[in-house]
């Protein structure tokens, strides 16, 4: 599987987990009354997003660090 396929597969998994249907407009209007409920939906795909973020030139390491922080906070406050 090449990088483009991996990116698309991971993004489809995020869309499916969040029920966004792939639309940026839907993501923008997503309300999260229970953050742990939202985190539980993306918990499994977050490592893939971190891996993809690291491959982005210039800013990828910072994006990956932010996602890793999100994951560590989610894991601490929203136990599986």
Protein backbone atom coordinates (compact mmCIF):
# COMPACT_ATOMS: atom_id res chain seq x y z
CA UNK A 1 0.00 0.00 0.00
CA UNK A 2 1.48 3.36 -0.97
CA UNK A 3 1.33 6.49 1.18
CA UNK A 4 -1.65 8.00 -0.67
CA UNK A 5 -3.72 4.86 -0.16
CA UNK A 6 -2.77 4.78 3.52
CA UNK A 7 -3.78 8.42 3.98
CA UNK A 8 -7.12 7.89 2.26
CA UNK A 9 -7.83 4.72 4.25
CA UNK A 10 -7.08 6.49 7.52
CA UNK A 11 -9.24 9.49 6.61
CA UNK A 12 -12.13 7.19 5.67
CA UNK A 13 -11.76 5.51 9.07
CA UNK A 14 -11.95 8.91 10.79
CA UNK A 15 -15.02 9.87 8.75
CA UNK A 16 -16.69 6.58 9.56
CA UNK A 17 -15.82 6.80 13.27
CA UNK A 18 -17.17 10.32 13.60
CA UNK A 19 -20.08 9.79 11.24
CA UNK A 20 -19.13 12.87 9.26
CA UNK A 21 -19.60 11.37 5.82
CA UNK A 22 -16.43 13.05 4.54
CA UNK A 23 -17.66 16.64 4.51
CA UNK A 24 -15.62 19.45 6.00
CA UNK A 25 -18.84 21.39 6.59
CA UNK A 26 -20.18 18.53 8.66
CA UNK A 27 -16.96 18.44 10.68
CA UNK A 28 -17.27 22.16 11.40
CA UNK A 29 -20.81 21.78 12.69
CA UNK A 30 -20.04 18.73 14.83
CA UNK A 31 -20.97 19.32 18.46
CA UNK A 32 -19.42 17.23 21.19
CA UNK A 33 -21.46 17.16 24.40
CA UNK A 34 -19.31 14.35 25.79
CA UNK A 35 -15.62 14.60 24.81
CA UNK A 36 -14.90 11.01 25.93
CA UNK A 37 -17.61 9.75 23.61
CA UNK A 38 -15.92 11.54 20.69
CA UNK A 39 -12.46 10.37 21.75
CA UNK A 40 -13.63 6.76 21.95
CA UNK A 41 -14.70 7.03 18.31
CA UNK A 42 -11.26 8.16 17.12
CA UNK A 43 -9.08 6.27 19.62
CA UNK A 44 -8.29 3.45 17.17
CA UNK A 45 -7.43 5.68 14.20
CA UNK A 46 -5.35 8.24 16.10
CA UNK A 47 -2.07 6.28 15.80
CA UNK A 48 -2.56 6.18 12.02
CA UNK A 49 -3.18 9.93 11.92
CA UNK A 50 -0.02 10.52 13.96
CA UNK A 51 1.97 8.37 11.55
CA UNK A 52 0.60 10.30 8.57
CA UNK A 53 1.19 13.67 10.24
CA UNK A 54 4.88 12.86 10.74
CA UNK A 55 5.26 12.58 6.95
CA UNK A 56 4.06 16.14 6.30
CA UNK A 57 7.03 18.35 5.40
CA UNK A 58 7.98 21.24 7.70
CA UNK A 59 5.04 21.12 10.15
CA UNK A 60 4.45 17.38 10.42
CA UNK A 61 6.42 16.87 13.61
CA UNK A 62 4.46 19.59 15.38
CA UNK A 63 1.13 18.24 14.17
CA UNK A 64 2.14 14.75 15.31
CA UNK A 65 3.17 16.14 18.71
CA UNK A 66 -0.22 17.86 19.08
CA UNK A 67 -2.02 14.64 18.16
CA UNK A 68 0.13 12.68 20.62
CA UNK A 69 -0.81 15.19 23.33
CA UNK A 70 -4.48 14.78 22.45
CA UNK A 71 -4.06 11.00 22.63
CA UNK A 72 -2.32 11.13 26.02
CA UNK A 73 -5.02 13.42 27.45
CA UNK A 74 -7.77 11.23 26.01
CA UNK A 75 -6.16 8.06 27.34
CA UNK A 76 -5.80 9.59 30.80
CA UNK A 77 -9.29 11.05 31.18
CA UNK A 78 -11.29 8.63 29.02
CA UNK A 79 -10.25 5.09 29.99
CA UNK A 80 -11.23 2.40 27.52
